[in-house]
N, C-alpha and C. Protein backbone atom coordinates (compact mmCIF):
# COMPACT_ATOMS: atom_id res chain seq x y z
N MET A 1 -102.22 -9.75 -62.29
CA MET A 1 -101.01 -10.55 -62.50
C MET A 1 -100.32 -10.73 -61.15
N GLY A 2 -99.73 -11.89 -60.98
CA GLY A 2 -98.97 -12.18 -59.77
C GLY A 2 -97.53 -11.71 -59.93
N GLU A 3 -96.62 -12.45 -59.34
CA GLU A 3 -95.21 -12.10 -59.44
C GLU A 3 -94.70 -12.42 -60.84
N LEU A 4 -93.84 -11.55 -61.33
CA LEU A 4 -93.30 -11.75 -62.68
C LEU A 4 -92.46 -13.01 -62.75
N ASP A 5 -92.56 -13.70 -63.87
CA ASP A 5 -91.76 -14.91 -64.10
C ASP A 5 -90.84 -14.75 -65.29
N LYS A 6 -91.40 -14.31 -66.43
CA LYS A 6 -90.58 -14.21 -67.64
C LYS A 6 -91.13 -13.17 -68.59
N TYR A 7 -90.27 -12.73 -69.48
CA TYR A 7 -90.64 -11.87 -70.60
C TYR A 7 -90.58 -12.70 -71.87
N VAL A 8 -91.52 -12.49 -72.77
CA VAL A 8 -91.51 -13.18 -74.06
C VAL A 8 -91.43 -12.10 -75.14
N ILE A 9 -90.33 -12.10 -75.88
CA ILE A 9 -90.11 -11.13 -76.96
C ILE A 9 -90.32 -11.88 -78.28
N ARG A 10 -91.23 -11.38 -79.09
CA ARG A 10 -91.45 -11.97 -80.42
C ARG A 10 -91.03 -10.94 -81.46
N TYR A 11 -90.42 -11.44 -82.53
CA TYR A 11 -89.95 -10.52 -83.56
C TYR A 11 -89.88 -11.20 -84.92
N GLY A 12 -89.81 -10.40 -85.95
CA GLY A 12 -89.71 -10.91 -87.31
C GLY A 12 -89.74 -9.75 -88.29
N GLN A 13 -89.65 -10.05 -89.57
CA GLN A 13 -89.63 -9.01 -90.60
C GLN A 13 -91.01 -8.75 -91.19
N ASP A 14 -92.02 -9.43 -90.68
CA ASP A 14 -93.41 -9.20 -91.08
C ASP A 14 -94.19 -8.88 -89.80
N ALA A 15 -94.71 -7.66 -89.71
CA ALA A 15 -95.39 -7.21 -88.49
C ALA A 15 -96.57 -8.10 -88.13
N ASP A 16 -97.15 -8.77 -89.11
CA ASP A 16 -98.31 -9.63 -88.87
C ASP A 16 -97.93 -11.07 -88.56
N GLU A 17 -96.66 -11.41 -88.71
CA GLU A 17 -96.20 -12.78 -88.45
C GLU A 17 -94.82 -12.73 -87.81
N LEU A 18 -94.80 -12.55 -86.50
CA LEU A 18 -93.55 -12.47 -85.75
C LEU A 18 -93.10 -13.89 -85.44
N SER A 19 -92.23 -14.42 -86.27
CA SER A 19 -91.91 -15.84 -86.26
C SER A 19 -90.79 -16.24 -85.29
N GLU A 20 -90.05 -15.28 -84.77
CA GLU A 20 -88.95 -15.58 -83.85
C GLU A 20 -89.39 -15.26 -82.42
N GLU A 21 -88.78 -15.96 -81.45
CA GLU A 21 -89.16 -15.76 -80.06
C GLU A 21 -87.96 -15.90 -79.15
N VAL A 22 -87.87 -15.02 -78.17
CA VAL A 22 -86.86 -15.10 -77.12
C VAL A 22 -87.60 -15.07 -75.79
N VAL A 23 -87.25 -15.98 -74.88
CA VAL A 23 -87.85 -16.00 -73.55
C VAL A 23 -86.76 -15.61 -72.56
N VAL A 24 -87.01 -14.55 -71.82
CA VAL A 24 -86.08 -14.07 -70.80
C VAL A 24 -86.65 -14.45 -69.45
N THR A 25 -85.98 -15.36 -68.76
CA THR A 25 -86.46 -15.83 -67.46
C THR A 25 -85.97 -14.91 -66.35
N ASN A 26 -86.44 -15.16 -65.15
CA ASN A 26 -86.06 -14.40 -63.96
C ASN A 26 -86.50 -12.94 -64.07
N ALA A 27 -87.70 -12.73 -64.58
CA ALA A 27 -88.20 -11.37 -64.82
C ALA A 27 -88.34 -10.56 -63.54
N GLN A 28 -88.65 -11.20 -62.42
CA GLN A 28 -88.80 -10.46 -61.16
C GLN A 28 -87.51 -9.75 -60.79
N ALA A 29 -86.38 -10.43 -60.94
CA ALA A 29 -85.09 -9.83 -60.60
C ALA A 29 -84.64 -8.83 -61.66
N GLU A 30 -85.14 -8.97 -62.87
CA GLU A 30 -84.72 -8.14 -63.99
C GLU A 30 -85.84 -7.17 -64.40
N ALA A 31 -86.56 -6.62 -63.44
CA ALA A 31 -87.73 -5.79 -63.73
C ALA A 31 -87.39 -4.58 -64.60
N GLU A 32 -86.17 -4.08 -64.52
CA GLU A 32 -85.75 -2.96 -65.36
C GLU A 32 -84.73 -3.44 -66.38
N MET A 33 -84.96 -4.61 -66.92
CA MET A 33 -84.00 -5.24 -67.81
C MET A 33 -83.99 -4.63 -69.20
N SER A 34 -82.93 -4.94 -69.90
CA SER A 34 -82.86 -4.66 -71.34
C SER A 34 -82.36 -5.94 -71.98
N TYR A 35 -82.65 -6.09 -73.25
CA TYR A 35 -82.24 -7.29 -73.96
C TYR A 35 -81.88 -6.90 -75.38
N GLU A 36 -80.75 -7.38 -75.86
CA GLU A 36 -80.31 -7.08 -77.22
C GLU A 36 -80.49 -8.31 -78.09
N VAL A 37 -81.24 -8.14 -79.18
CA VAL A 37 -81.40 -9.21 -80.17
C VAL A 37 -80.30 -8.98 -81.20
N SER A 38 -79.40 -9.94 -81.33
CA SER A 38 -78.26 -9.77 -82.25
C SER A 38 -78.42 -10.66 -83.47
N GLY A 39 -77.59 -10.42 -84.46
CA GLY A 39 -77.56 -11.24 -85.66
C GLY A 39 -78.70 -10.97 -86.64
N LEU A 40 -79.30 -9.78 -86.57
CA LEU A 40 -80.39 -9.47 -87.48
C LEU A 40 -79.86 -9.03 -88.84
N ASP A 41 -80.46 -9.54 -89.90
CA ASP A 41 -80.11 -9.13 -91.25
C ASP A 41 -80.61 -7.71 -91.50
N ALA A 42 -80.07 -7.08 -92.54
CA ALA A 42 -80.53 -5.73 -92.92
C ALA A 42 -82.01 -5.77 -93.25
N GLY A 43 -82.70 -4.69 -92.96
CA GLY A 43 -84.12 -4.57 -93.23
C GLY A 43 -84.86 -4.07 -92.00
N THR A 44 -86.17 -4.07 -92.07
CA THR A 44 -86.99 -3.62 -90.96
C THR A 44 -87.46 -4.83 -90.15
N TRP A 45 -87.28 -4.74 -88.86
CA TRP A 45 -87.68 -5.79 -87.93
C TRP A 45 -88.75 -5.25 -87.00
N TYR A 46 -89.70 -6.11 -86.64
CA TYR A 46 -90.83 -5.73 -85.80
C TYR A 46 -90.78 -6.56 -84.52
N PHE A 47 -91.18 -5.93 -83.41
CA PHE A 47 -91.05 -6.56 -82.09
C PHE A 47 -92.30 -6.32 -81.24
N THR A 48 -92.63 -7.30 -80.41
CA THR A 48 -93.59 -7.13 -79.32
C THR A 48 -93.01 -7.80 -78.08
N ILE A 49 -93.57 -7.47 -76.94
CA ILE A 49 -93.14 -8.12 -75.70
C ILE A 49 -94.38 -8.44 -74.87
N GLN A 50 -94.31 -9.55 -74.15
CA GLN A 50 -95.36 -9.95 -73.22
C GLN A 50 -94.69 -10.31 -71.90
N VAL A 51 -95.47 -10.26 -70.84
CA VAL A 51 -94.99 -10.63 -69.52
C VAL A 51 -95.80 -11.82 -69.03
N GLN A 52 -95.12 -12.78 -68.42
CA GLN A 52 -95.83 -13.94 -67.87
C GLN A 52 -95.57 -13.98 -66.37
N ASP A 53 -96.62 -14.27 -65.59
CA ASP A 53 -96.43 -14.35 -64.13
C ASP A 53 -96.18 -15.79 -63.70
N THR A 54 -95.93 -15.96 -62.41
CA THR A 54 -95.59 -17.28 -61.89
C THR A 54 -96.76 -18.26 -61.92
N ASN A 55 -97.98 -17.76 -62.15
CA ASN A 55 -99.15 -18.63 -62.30
C ASN A 55 -99.39 -19.03 -63.75
N GLY A 56 -98.53 -18.56 -64.67
CA GLY A 56 -98.67 -18.91 -66.07
C GLY A 56 -99.54 -17.95 -66.87
N LEU A 57 -100.08 -16.92 -66.21
CA LEU A 57 -100.89 -15.94 -66.93
C LEU A 57 -99.98 -15.02 -67.74
N ILE A 58 -100.35 -14.78 -69.00
CA ILE A 58 -99.51 -13.96 -69.87
C ILE A 58 -100.30 -12.74 -70.33
N SER A 59 -99.61 -11.63 -70.41
CA SER A 59 -100.26 -10.38 -70.82
C SER A 59 -100.54 -10.40 -72.32
N GLU A 60 -101.35 -9.44 -72.74
CA GLU A 60 -101.53 -9.23 -74.17
C GLU A 60 -100.21 -8.70 -74.73
N PRO A 61 -99.93 -8.94 -76.01
CA PRO A 61 -98.70 -8.39 -76.59
C PRO A 61 -98.73 -6.86 -76.58
N SER A 62 -97.57 -6.28 -76.41
CA SER A 62 -97.45 -4.83 -76.50
C SER A 62 -97.75 -4.40 -77.94
N ASP A 63 -97.88 -3.11 -78.14
CA ASP A 63 -97.97 -2.61 -79.50
C ASP A 63 -96.70 -2.99 -80.25
N VAL A 64 -96.82 -3.22 -81.54
CA VAL A 64 -95.66 -3.57 -82.35
C VAL A 64 -94.79 -2.32 -82.54
N VAL A 65 -93.48 -2.50 -82.34
CA VAL A 65 -92.51 -1.45 -82.61
C VAL A 65 -91.55 -1.96 -83.68
N SER A 66 -90.88 -1.05 -84.37
CA SER A 66 -89.98 -1.50 -85.44
C SER A 66 -88.61 -0.86 -85.31
N LYS A 67 -87.64 -1.50 -85.94
CA LYS A 67 -86.27 -1.02 -86.00
C LYS A 67 -85.73 -1.38 -87.37
N SER A 68 -85.15 -0.40 -88.06
CA SER A 68 -84.52 -0.66 -89.36
C SER A 68 -83.03 -0.89 -89.16
N ILE A 69 -82.54 -1.97 -89.73
CA ILE A 69 -81.13 -2.33 -89.67
C ILE A 69 -80.50 -2.07 -91.03
N ARG A 70 -79.42 -1.33 -91.03
CA ARG A 70 -78.70 -1.07 -92.28
C ARG A 70 -77.51 -1.99 -92.40
N SER A 71 -77.18 -2.37 -93.62
CA SER A 71 -76.05 -3.29 -93.80
C SER A 71 -74.73 -2.58 -93.66
């Protein structure tokens, strides 16, 4: 991989179909970044993250992690 360009966070309530996506640009400057996904309904949410370099190459998705939100 070359220089970092962006992070792609995919998430949803079905671990096999992560239907939502957030793209965080300027990944090189934010190498130790954190990102908060807000507005999630109650239930279990699943997430993966990928990294894309400045040449457009994208990593494999990370292992799926989950977070339970209580109402």
